[in-house]
Amino acid sequence: MDGDTAREGTQQQDQALKGSVQEHLRRCLDQQDAVPAGAPRVSLEAEVPEALFDGMRAFLEGRPEWDQYRVITSALAGFLFQNGCSDRCVSQHYLNGLFMQPGE
């Protein structure tokens, strides 16, 4: 298999995966609001590597619409969603993080 053929195969796989992800996101968006207003919350305390904390701080410095709580919530929802969690609330948090508009 030459380099061009391998690249074409990889591009086709990437397109198929992208289409699958887009279809899944479309289905999730079609769901009703999964997180009711005033839903209960749990407080967490966690130790993270300093490099991650520095990265989060740098991210937040240029984005006033984000705060550390929203970053952690988005990261956790993203991890759970991408690793097979099918809970509607998790999907909704994941999508909210992806499609958040400035000023929200």
PDB file of N, CA and C in Angstrom:
ATOM      1  N   MET A   1       0.861  -1.173   0.000  1.00  0.00           N
ATOM      2  CA  MET A   1       0.000   0.000   0.000  1.00  0.00           C
ATOM      3  C   MET A   1       0.902   1.229   0.000  1.00  0.00           C
ATOM      4  N   ASP A   2       0.734   2.117  -0.990  1.00  0.00           N
ATOM      5  CA  ASP A   2       1.580   3.299  -1.028  1.00  0.00           C
ATOM      6  C   ASP A   2       1.024   4.384  -0.106  1.00  0.00           C
ATOM      7  N   GLY A   3       1.784   5.473   0.048  1.00  0.00           N
ATOM      8  CA  GLY A   3       1.409   6.541   0.981  1.00  0.00           C
ATOM      9  C   GLY A   3       0.090   7.209   0.650  1.00  0.00           C
ATOM     10  N   ASP A   4      -0.185   7.420  -0.650  1.00  0.00           N
ATOM     11  CA  ASP A   4      -1.440   8.072  -1.049  1.00  0.00           C
ATOM     12  C   ASP A   4      -2.649   7.207  -0.713  1.00  0.00           C
ATOM     13  N   THR A   5      -2.535   5.913  -0.953  1.00  0.00           N
ATOM     14  CA  THR A   5      -3.639   4.999  -0.661  1.00  0.00           C
ATOM     15  C   THR A   5      -3.900   4.939   0.838  1.00  0.00           C
ATOM     16  N   ALA A   6      -2.839   4.913   1.636  1.00  0.00           N
ATOM     17  CA  ALA A   6      -2.992   4.879   3.097  1.00  0.00           C
ATOM     18  C   ALA A   6      -3.660   6.154   3.594  1.00  0.00           C
ATOM     19  N   ARG A   7      -3.255   7.313   3.038  1.00  0.00           N
ATOM     20  CA  ARG A   7      -3.863   8.589   3.429  1.00  0.00           C
ATOM     21  C   ARG A   7      -5.346   8.621   3.085  1.00  0.00           C
ATOM     22  N   GLU A   8      -5.687   8.115   1.891  1.00  0.00           N
ATOM     23  CA  GLU A   8      -7.097   8.083   1.480  1.00  0.00           C
ATOM     24  C   GLU A   8      -7.910   7.204   2.413  1.00  0.00           C
ATOM     25  N   GLY A   9      -7.360   6.056   2.800  1.00  0.00           N
ATOM     26  CA  GLY A   9      -8.060   5.174   3.730  1.00  0.00           C
ATOM     27  C   GLY A   9      -8.266   5.830   5.082  1.00  0.00           C
ATOM     28  N   THR A  10      -7.252   6.532   5.566  1.00  0.00           N
ATOM     29  CA  THR A  10      -7.364   7.234   6.846  1.00  0.00           C
ATOM     30  C   THR A  10      -8.384   8.357   6.754  1.00  0.00           C
ATOM     31  N   GLN A  11      -8.381   9.085   5.654  1.00  0.00           N
ATOM     32  CA  GLN A  11      -9.350  10.165   5.475  1.00  0.00           C
ATOM     33  C   GLN A  11     -10.773   9.615   5.435  1.00  0.00           C
ATOM     34  N   GLN A  12     -10.966   8.480   4.783  1.00  0.00           N
ATOM     35  CA  GLN A  12     -12.297   7.872   4.731  1.00  0.00           C
ATOM     36  C   GLN A  12     -12.742   7.429   6.122  1.00  0.00           C
ATOM     37  N   GLN A  13     -11.828   6.863   6.901  1.00  0.00           N
ATOM     38  CA  GLN A  13     -12.154   6.469   8.271  1.00  0.00           C
ATOM     39  C   GLN A  13     -12.504   7.700   9.114  1.00  0.00           C
ATOM     40  N   ASP A  14     -11.733   8.764   8.961  1.00  0.00           N
ATOM     41  CA  ASP A  14     -12.006   9.999   9.693  1.00  0.00           C
ATOM     42  C   ASP A  14     -13.382  10.557   9.339  1.00  0.00           C
ATOM     43  N   GLN A  15     -13.733  10.529   8.057  1.00  0.00           N
ATOM     44  CA  GLN A  15     -15.032  11.026   7.615  1.00  0.00           C
ATOM     45  C   GLN A  15     -16.163  10.170   8.185  1.00  0.00           C
ATOM     46  N   ALA A  16     -15.980   8.850   8.196  1.00  0.00           N
ATOM     47  CA  ALA A  16     -17.004   7.959   8.731  1.00  0.00           C
ATOM     48  C   ALA A  16     -17.192   8.202  10.224  1.00  0.00           C
ATOM     49  N   LEU A  17     -16.091   8.368  10.951  1.00  0.00           N
ATOM     50  CA  LEU A  17     -16.173   8.637  12.381  1.00  0.00           C
ATOM     51  C   LEU A  17     -16.843   9.981  12.634  1.00  0.00           C
ATOM     52  N   LYS A  18     -16.473  10.981  11.855  1.00  0.00           N
ATOM     53  CA  LYS A  18     -17.074  12.302  11.995  1.00  0.00           C
ATOM     54  C   LYS A  18     -18.578  12.240  11.740  1.00  0.00           C
ATOM     55  N   GLY A  19     -18.989  11.498  10.717  1.00  0.00           N
ATOM     56  CA  GLY A  19     -20.418  11.346  10.433  1.00  0.00           C
ATOM     57  C   GLY A  19     -21.146  10.648  11.560  1.00  0.00           C
ATOM     58  N   SER A  20     -20.511   9.637  12.144  1.00  0.00           N
ATOM     59  CA  SER A  20     -21.109   8.912  13.268  1.00  0.00           C
ATOM     60  C   SER A  20     -21.266   9.824  14.476  1.00  0.00           C
ATOM     61  N   VAL A  21     -20.250  10.611  14.773  1.00  0.00           N
ATOM     62  CA  VAL A  21     -20.308  11.537  15.904  1.00  0.00           C
ATOM     63  C   VAL A  21     -21.377  12.600  15.655  1.00  0.00           C
ATOM     64  N   GLN A  22     -21.429  13.129  14.450  1.00  0.00           N
ATOM     65  CA  GLN A  22     -22.428  14.144  14.137  1.00  0.00           C
ATOM     66  C   GLN A  22     -23.843  13.584  14.278  1.00  0.00           C
ATOM     67  N   GLU A  23     -24.050  12.356  13.845  1.00  0.00           N
ATOM     68  CA  GLU A  23     -25.368  11.739  13.971  1.00  0.00           C
ATOM     69  C   GLU A  23     -25.738  11.551  15.433  1.00  0.00           C
ATOM     70  N   HIS A  24     -24.777  11.123  16.231  1.00  0.00           N
ATOM     71  CA  HIS A  24     -25.039  10.954  17.658  1.00  0.00           C
ATOM     72  C   HIS A  24     -25.380  12.297  18.306  1.00  0.00           C
ATOM     73  N   LEU A  25     -24.631  13.325  17.972  1.00  0.00           N
ATOM     74  CA  LEU A  25     -24.908  14.651  18.519  1.00  0.00           C
ATOM     75  C   LEU A  25     -26.281  15.155  18.080  1.00  0.00           C
ATOM     76  N   ARG A  26     -26.649  14.888  16.838  1.00  0.00           N
ATOM     77  CA  ARG A  26     -27.963  15.298  16.334  1.00  0.00           C
ATOM     78  C   ARG A  26     -29.071  14.627  17.145  1.00  0.00           C
ATOM     79  N   ARG A  27     -28.917  13.320  17.439  1.00  0.00           N
ATOM     80  CA  ARG A  27     -29.906  12.621  18.253  1.00  0.00           C
ATOM     81  C   ARG A  27     -29.985  13.214  19.656  1.00  0.00           C
ATOM     82  N   CYS A  28     -28.832  13.549  20.221  1.00  0.00           N
ATOM     83  CA  CYS A  28     -28.818  14.138  21.567  1.00  0.00           C
ATOM     84  C   CYS A  28     -29.502  15.506  21.575  1.00  0.00           C
ATOM     85  N   LEU A  29     -29.270  16.275  20.540  1.00  0.00           N
ATOM     86  CA  LEU A  29     -29.888  17.599  20.481  1.00  0.00           C
ATOM     87  C   LEU A  29     -31.394  17.515  20.323  1.00  0.00           C
ATOM     88  N   ASP A  30     -31.864  16.424  19.738  1.00  0.00           N
ATOM     89  CA  ASP A  30     -33.302  16.245  19.563  1.00  0.00           C
ATOM     90  C   ASP A  30     -34.020  15.914  20.874  1.00  0.00           C
ATOM     91  N   GLN A  31     -33.261  15.538  21.883  1.00  0.00           N
ATOM     92  CA  GLN A  31     -33.868  15.220  23.176  1.00  0.00           C
ATOM     93  C   GLN A  31     -34.357  16.497  23.852  1.00  0.00           C
ATOM     94  N   GLN A  32     -35.329  16.325  24.724  1.00  0.00           N
ATOM     95  CA  GLN A  32     -35.801  17.452  25.528  1.00  0.00           C
ATOM     96  C   GLN A  32     -34.709  17.830  26.517  1.00  0.00           C
ATOM     97  N   ASP A  33     -34.843  19.000  27.132  1.00  0.00           N
ATOM     98  CA  ASP A  33     -33.866  19.407  28.144  1.00  0.00           C
ATOM     99  C   ASP A  33     -33.726  18.304  29.177  1.00  0.00           C
ATOM    100  N   ALA A  34     -32.517  17.809  29.346  1.00  0.00           N
ATOM    101  CA  ALA A  34     -32.286  16.686  30.248  1.00  0.00           C
ATOM    102  C   ALA A  34     -31.956  17.153  31.666  1.00  0.00           C
ATOM    103  N   VAL A  35     -31.565  18.404  31.817  1.00  0.00           N
ATOM    104  CA  VAL A  35     -31.171  18.897  33.128  1.00  0.00           C
ATOM    105  C   VAL A  35     -32.185  19.944  33.578  1.00  0.00           C
ATOM    106  N   PRO A  36     -33.047  19.584  34.522  1.00  0.00           N
ATOM    107  CA  PRO A  36     -34.042  20.545  34.983  1.00  0.00           C
ATOM    108  C   PRO A  36     -33.398  21.686  35.758  1.00  0.00           C
ATOM    109  N   ALA A  37     -34.028  22.851  35.686  1.00  0.00           N
ATOM    110  CA  ALA A  37     -33.542  24.003  36.448  1.00  0.00           C
ATOM    111  C   ALA A  37     -33.554  23.646  37.927  1.00  0.00           C
ATOM    112  N   GLY A  38     -32.534  24.049  38.626  1.00  0.00           N
ATOM    113  CA  GLY A  38     -32.461  23.772  40.049  1.00  0.00           C
ATOM    114  C   GLY A  38     -32.082  22.343  40.383  1.00  0.00           C
ATOM    115  N   ALA A  39     -31.509  21.618  39.409  1.00  0.00           N
ATOM    116  CA  ALA A  39     -31.103  20.233  39.656  1.00  0.00           C
ATOM    117  C   ALA A  39     -30.069  20.198  40.776  1.00  0.00           C
ATOM    118  N   PRO A  40     -30.079  19.158  41.600  1.00  0.00           N
ATOM    119  CA  PRO A  40     -29.139  19.080  42.712  1.00  0.00           C
ATOM    120  C   PRO A  40     -27.694  19.041  42.227  1.00  0.00           C
ATOM    121  N   ARG A  41     -26.820  19.554  43.049  1.00  0.00           N
ATOM    122  CA  ARG A  41     -25.392  19.595  42.714  1.00  0.00           C
ATOM    123  C   ARG A  41     -24.598  18.970  43.846  1.00  0.00           C
ATOM    124  N   VAL A  42     -23.410  18.488  43.516  1.00  0.00           N
ATOM    125  CA  VAL A  42     -22.507  17.884  44.481  1.00  0.00           C
ATOM    126  C   VAL A  42     -21.180  18.634  44.394  1.00  0.00           C
ATOM    127  N   SER A  43     -20.606  18.944  45.519  1.00  0.00           N
ATOM    128  CA  SER A  43     -19.319  19.617  45.556  1.00  0.00           C
ATOM    129  C   SER A  43     -18.205  18.573  45.555  1.00  0.00           C
ATOM    130  N   LEU A  44     -17.159  18.803  44.766  1.00  0.00           N
ATOM    131  CA  LEU A  44     -16.025  17.892  44.676  1.00  0.00           C
ATOM    132  C   LEU A  44     -14.748  18.594  45.104  1.00  0.00           C
ATOM    133  N   GLU A  45     -13.851  17.825  45.650  1.00  0.00           N
ATOM    134  CA  GLU A  45     -12.512  18.323  45.921  1.00  0.00           C
ATOM    135  C   GLU A  45     -11.557  17.324  45.300  1.00  0.00           C
ATOM    136  N   ALA A  46     -10.617  17.808  44.496  1.00  0.00           N
ATOM    137  CA  ALA A  46      -9.705  16.896  43.810  1.00  0.00           C
ATOM    138  C   ALA A  46      -8.338  17.537  43.665  1.00  0.00           C
ATOM    139  N   GLU A  47      -7.332  16.699  43.729  1.00  0.00           N
ATOM    140  CA  GLU A  47      -5.974  17.146  43.440  1.00  0.00           C
ATOM    141  C   GLU A  47      -5.693  16.853  41.981  1.00  0.00           C
ATOM    142  N   VAL A  48      -5.136  17.843  41.289  1.00  0.00           N
ATOM    143  CA  VAL A  48      -4.792  17.671  39.881  1.00  0.00           C
ATOM    144  C   VAL A  48      -3.329  18.040  39.695  1.00  0.00           C
ATOM    145  N   PRO A  49      -2.695  17.489  38.680  1.00  0.00           N
ATOM    146  CA  PRO A  49      -1.307  17.865  38.413  1.00  0.00           C
ATOM    147  C   PRO A  49      -1.206  19.372  38.151  1.00  0.00           C
ATOM    148  N   GLU A  50      -0.104  19.939  38.612  1.00  0.00           N
ATOM    149  CA  GLU A  50       0.086  21.376  38.474  1.00  0.00           C
ATOM    150  C   GLU A  50       0.025  21.817  37.013  1.00  0.00           C
ATOM    151  N   ALA A  51       0.534  20.996  36.103  1.00  0.00           N
ATOM    152  CA  ALA A  51       0.511  21.356  34.678  1.00  0.00           C
ATOM    153  C   ALA A  51      -0.926  21.516  34.183  1.00  0.00           C
ATOM    154  N   LEU A  52      -1.846  20.645  34.638  1.00  0.00           N
ATOM    155  CA  LEU A  52      -3.250  20.778  34.238  1.00  0.00           C
ATOM    156  C   LEU A  52      -3.870  22.036  34.831  1.00  0.00           C
ATOM    157  N   PHE A  53      -3.543  22.311  36.086  1.00  0.00           N
ATOM    158  CA  PHE A  53      -4.063  23.513  36.720  1.00  0.00           C
ATOM    159  C   PHE A  53      -3.570  24.760  35.989  1.00  0.00           C
ATOM    160  N   ASP A  54      -2.284  24.785  35.639  1.00  0.00           N
ATOM    161  CA  ASP A  54      -1.734  25.929  34.897  1.00  0.00           C
ATOM    162  C   ASP A  54      -2.411  26.072  33.537  1.00  0.00           C
ATOM    163  N   GLY A  55      -2.674  24.943  32.869  1.00  0.00           N
ATOM    164  CA  GLY A  55      -3.366  24.992  31.589  1.00  0.00           C
ATOM    165  C   GLY A  55      -4.775  25.525  31.730  1.00  0.00           C
ATOM    166  N   MET A  56      -5.472  25.099  32.786  1.00  0.00           N
ATOM    167  CA  MET A  56      -6.826  25.591  33.021  1.00  0.00           C
ATOM    168  C   MET A  56      -6.801  27.089  33.305  1.00  0.00           C
ATOM    169  N   ARG A  57      -5.855  27.521  34.129  1.00  0.00           N
ATOM    170  CA  ARG A  57      -5.748  28.941  34.455  1.00  0.00           C
ATOM    171  C   ARG A  57      -5.479  29.769  33.201  1.00  0.00           C
ATOM    172  N   ALA A  58      -4.573  29.293  32.345  1.00  0.00           N
ATOM    173  CA  ALA A  58      -4.282  30.005  31.092  1.00  0.00           C
ATOM    174  C   ALA A  58      -5.517  30.058  30.197  1.00  0.00           C
ATOM    175  N   PHE A  59      -6.263  28.959  30.132  1.00  0.00           N
ATOM    176  CA  PHE A  59      -7.497  28.915  29.350  1.00  0.00           C
ATOM    177  C   PHE A  59      -8.497  29.954  29.865  1.00  0.00           C
ATOM    178  N   LEU A  60      -8.647  30.018  31.175  1.00  0.00           N
ATOM    179  CA  LEU A  60      -9.646  30.907  31.777  1.00  0.00           C
ATOM    180  C   LEU A  60      -9.287  32.382  31.650  1.00  0.00           C
ATOM    181  N   GLU A  61      -8.006  32.692  31.620  1.00  0.00           N
ATOM    182  CA  GLU A  61      -7.579  34.089  31.552  1.00  0.00           C
ATOM    183  C   GLU A  61      -8.140  34.803  30.329  1.00  0.00           C
ATOM    184  N   GLY A  62      -8.277  34.115  29.223  1.00  0.00           N
ATOM    185  CA  GLY A  62      -8.761  34.746  28.005  1.00  0.00           C
ATOM    186  C   GLY A  62     -10.233  34.497  27.705  1.00  0.00           C
ATOM    187  N   ARG A  63     -10.940  33.865  28.639  1.00  0.00           N
ATOM    188  CA  ARG A  63     -12.337  33.509  28.389  1.00  0.00           C
ATOM    189  C   ARG A  63     -13.194  33.845  29.608  1.00  0.00           C
ATOM    190  N   PRO A  64     -13.652  35.073  29.697  1.00  0.00           N
ATOM    191  CA  PRO A  64     -14.419  35.482  30.882  1.00  0.00           C
ATOM    192  C   PRO A  64     -15.760  34.762  31.025  1.00  0.00           C
ATOM    193  N   GLU A  65     -16.264  34.151  29.958  1.00  0.00           N
ATOM    194  CA  GLU A  65     -17.545  33.444  30.050  1.00  0.00           C
ATOM    195  C   GLU A  65     -17.395  32.079  30.730  1.00  0.00           C
ATOM    196  N   TRP A  66     -16.171  31.621  30.915  1.00  0.00           N
ATOM    197  CA  TRP A  66     -15.893  30.345  31.578  1.00  0.00           C
ATOM    198  C   TRP A  66     -15.408  30.592  33.003  1.00  0.00           C
ATOM    199  N   ASP A  67     -15.638  29.634  33.876  1.00  0.00           N
ATOM    200  CA  ASP A  67     -15.022  29.627  35.201  1.00  0.00           C
ATOM    201  C   ASP A  67     -14.543  28.205  35.481  1.00  0.00           C
ATOM    202  N   GLN A  68     -13.816  28.030  36.584  1.00  0.00           N
ATOM    203  CA  GLN A  68     -13.220  26.710  36.836  1.00  0.00           C
ATOM    204  C   GLN A  68     -14.275  25.628  37.001  1.00  0.00           C
ATOM    205  N   TYR A  69     -15.424  25.982  37.504  1.00  0.00           N
ATOM    206  CA  TYR A  69     -16.479  24.994  37.705  1.00  0.00           C
ATOM    207  C   TYR A  69     -17.039  24.512  36.366  1.00  0.00           C
ATOM    208  N   ARG A  70     -17.199  25.447  35.449  1.00  0.00           N
ATOM    209  CA  ARG A  70     -17.715  25.073  34.132  1.00  0.00           C
ATOM    210  C   ARG A  70     -16.702  24.233  33.363  1.00  0.00           C
ATOM    211  N   VAL A  71     -15.411  24.552  33.523  1.00  0.00           N
ATOM    212  CA  VAL A  71     -14.366  23.766  32.860  1.00  0.00           C
ATOM    213  C   VAL A  71     -14.377  22.330  33.375  1.00  0.00           C
ATOM    214  N   ILE A  72     -14.415  22.163  34.691  1.00  0.00           N
ATOM    215  CA  ILE A  72     -14.398  20.823  35.282  1.00  0.00           C
ATOM    216  C   ILE A  72     -15.655  20.046  34.886  1.00  0.00           C
ATOM    217  N   THR A  73     -16.810  20.698  34.943  1.00  0.00           N
ATOM    218  CA  THR A  73     -18.056  20.039  34.560  1.00  0.00           C
ATOM    219  C   THR A  73     -18.003  19.597  33.101  1.00  0.00           C
ATOM    220  N   SER A  74     -17.512  20.476  32.242  1.00  0.00           N
ATOM    221  CA  SER A  74     -17.416  20.154  30.823  1.00  0.00           C
ATOM    222  C   SER A  74     -16.431  19.011  30.585  1.00  0.00           C
ATOM    223  N   ALA A  75     -15.289  19.046  31.271  1.00  0.00           N
ATOM    224  CA  ALA A  75     -14.282  17.997  31.109  1.00  0.00           C
ATOM    225  C   ALA A  75     -14.822  16.645  31.579  1.00  0.00           C
ATOM    226  N   LEU A  76     -15.491  16.640  32.713  1.00  0.00           N
ATOM    227  CA  LEU A  76     -16.041  15.388  33.240  1.00  0.00           C
ATOM    228  C   LEU A  76     -17.132  14.838  32.321  1.00  0.00           C
ATOM    229  N   ALA A  77     -18.013  15.713  31.863  1.00  0.00           N
ATOM    230  CA  ALA A  77     -19.067  15.274  30.944  1.00  0.00           C
ATOM    231  C   ALA A  77     -18.464  14.744  29.644  1.00  0.00           C
ATOM    232  N   GLY A  78     -17.437  15.428  29.135  1.00  0.00           N
ATOM    233  CA  GLY A  78     -16.775  14.974  27.912  1.00  0.00           C
ATOM    234  C   GLY A  78     -16.156  13.601  28.074  1.00  0.00           C
ATOM    235  N   PHE A  79     -15.476  13.395  29.192  1.00  0.00           N
ATOM    236  CA  PHE A  79     -14.863  12.092  29.450  1.00  0.00           C
ATOM    237  C   PHE A  79     -15.924  10.998  29.518  1.00  0.00           C
ATOM    238  N   LEU A  80     -16.967  11.232  30.297  1.00  0.00           N
ATOM    239  CA  LEU A  80     -18.010  10.221  30.455  1.00  0.00           C
ATOM    240  C   LEU A  80     -18.701   9.916  29.126  1.00  0.00           C
ATOM    241  N   PHE A  81     -19.067  10.970  28.394  1.00  0.00           N
ATOM    242  CA  PHE A  81     -19.754  10.812  27.112  1.00  0.00           C
ATOM    243  C   PHE A  81     -18.895  10.025  26.123  1.00  0.00           C
ATOM    244  N   GLN A  82     -17.628  10.411  26.017  1.00  0.00           N
ATOM    245  CA  GLN A  82     -16.749   9.777  25.043  1.00  0.00           C
ATOM    246  C   GLN A  82     -16.377   8.352  25.426  1.00  0.00           C
ATOM    247  N   ASN A  83     -16.624   7.981  26.664  1.00  0.00           N
ATOM    248  CA  ASN A  83     -16.306   6.629  27.106  1.00  0.00           C
ATOM    249  C   ASN A  83     -17.550   5.782  27.326  1.00  0.00           C
ATOM    250  N   GLY A  84     -18.645   6.171  26.671  1.00  0.00           N
ATOM    251  CA  GLY A  84     -19.801   5.303  26.595  1.00  0.00           C
ATOM    252  C   GLY A  84     -20.949   5.581  27.542  1.00  0.00           C
ATOM    253  N   CYS A  85     -20.870   6.608  28.366  1.00  0.00           N
ATOM    254  CA  CYS A  85     -21.988   6.919  29.257  1.00  0.00           C
ATOM    255  C   CYS A  85     -23.152   7.430  28.409  1.00  0.00           C
ATOM    256  N   SER A  86     -24.323   6.839  28.584  1.00  0.00           N
ATOM    257  CA  SER A  86     -25.466   7.213  27.761  1.00  0.00           C
ATOM    258  C   SER A  86     -26.535   7.964  28.551  1.00  0.00           C
ATOM    259  N   ASP A  87     -26.212   8.404  29.745  1.00  0.00           N
ATOM    260  CA  ASP A  87     -27.159   9.171  30.555  1.00  0.00           C
ATOM    261  C   ASP A  87     -27.488  10.486  29.847  1.00  0.00           C
ATOM    262  N   ARG A  88     -28.770  10.817  29.764  1.00  0.00           N
ATOM    263  CA  ARG A  88     -29.201  12.027  29.046  1.00  0.00           C
ATOM    264  C   ARG A  88     -28.607  13.289  29.655  1.00  0.00           C
ATOM    265  N   CYS A  89     -28.509  13.353  30.964  1.00  0.00           N
ATOM    266  CA  CYS A  89     -27.954  14.548  31.618  1.00  0.00           C
ATOM    267  C   CYS A  89     -26.485  14.739  31.255  1.00  0.00           C
ATOM    268  N   VAL A  90     -25.736  13.646  31.209  1.00  0.00           N
ATOM    269  CA  VAL A  90     -24.329  13.723  30.825  1.00  0.00           C
ATOM    270  C   VAL A  90     -24.215  14.209  29.378  1.00  0.00           C
ATOM    271  N   SER A  91     -25.047  13.655  28.504  1.00  0.00           N
ATOM    272  CA  SER A  91     -25.036  14.079  27.094  1.00  0.00           C
ATOM    273  C   SER A  91     -25.350  15.565  26.974  1.00  0.00           C
ATOM    274  N   GLN A  92     -26.315  16.029  27.748  1.00  0.00           N
ATOM    275  CA  GLN A  92     -26.701  17.434  27.676  1.00  0.00           C
ATOM    276  C   GLN A  92     -25.563  18.340  28.152  1.00  0.00           C
ATOM    277  N   HIS A  93     -24.905  17.972  29.247  1.00  0.00           N
ATOM    278  CA  HIS A  93     -23.759  18.760  29.725  1.00  0.00           C
ATOM    279  C   HIS A  93     -22.640  18.766  28.682  1.00  0.00           C
ATOM    280  N   TYR A  94     -22.405  17.626  28.068  1.00  0.00           N
ATOM    281  CA  TYR A  94     -21.377  17.519  27.041  1.00  0.00           C
ATOM    282  C   TYR A  94     -21.686  18.455  25.870  1.00  0.00           C
ATOM    283  N   LEU A  95     -22.910  18.400  25.393  1.00  0.00           N
ATOM    284  CA  LEU A  95     -23.302  19.237  24.260  1.00  0.00           C
ATOM    285  C   LEU A  95     -23.296  20.719  24.630  1.00  0.00           C
ATOM    286  N   ASN A  96     -23.717  21.036  25.839  1.00  0.00           N
ATOM    287  CA  ASN A  96     -23.677  22.429  26.273  1.00  0.00           C
ATOM    288  C   ASN A  96     -22.255  22.968  26.250  1.00  0.00           C
ATOM    289  N   GLY A  97     -21.306  22.146  26.652  1.00  0.00           N
ATOM    290  CA  GLY A  97     -19.896  22.552  26.611  1.00  0.00           C
ATOM    291  C   GLY A  97     -19.392  22.744  25.202  1.00  0.00           C
ATOM    292  N   LEU A  98     -19.857  21.907  24.277  1.00  0.00           N
ATOM    293  CA  LEU A  98     -19.421  22.028  22.892  1.00  0.00           C
ATOM    294  C   LEU A  98     -19.977  23.255  22.186  1.00  0.00           C
ATOM    295  N   PHE A  99     -21.239  23.575  22.491  1.00  0.00           N
ATOM    296  CA  PHE A  99     -21.925  24.601  21.733  1.00  0.00           C
ATOM    297  C   PHE A  99     -22.213  25.858  22.542  1.00  0.00           C
ATOM    298  N   MET A 100     -21.475  26.068  23.634  1.00  0.00           N
ATOM    299  CA  MET A 100     -21.680  27.253  24.451  1.00  0.00           C
ATOM    300  C   MET A 100     -21.339  28.513  23.652  1.00  0.00           C
ATOM    301  N   GLN A 101     -22.189  29.471  23.711  1.00  0.00           N
ATOM    302  CA  GLN A 101     -21.988  30.739  23.024  1.00  0.00           C
ATOM    303  C   GLN A 101     -21.314  31.724  23.971  1.00  0.00           C
ATOM    304  N   PRO A 102     -20.479  32.631  23.466  1.00  0.00           N
ATOM    305  CA  PRO A 102     -19.865  33.637  24.332  1.00  0.00           C
ATOM    306  C   PRO A 102     -20.947  34.427  25.069  1.00  0.00           C
ATOM    307  N   GLY A 103     -20.712  34.679  26.340  1.00  0.00           N
ATOM    308  CA  GLY A 103     -21.662  35.441  27.139  1.00  0.00           C
ATOM    309  C   GLY A 103     -22.674  34.593  27.864  1.00  0.00           C
ATOM    310  N   GLU A 104     -22.663  33.275  27.638  1.00  0.00           N
ATOM    311  CA  GLU A 104     -23.619  32.391  28.322  1.00  0.00           C
ATOM    312  C   GLU A 104     -23.141  32.146  29.741  1.00  0.00           C
TER     313      GLU A 104
END
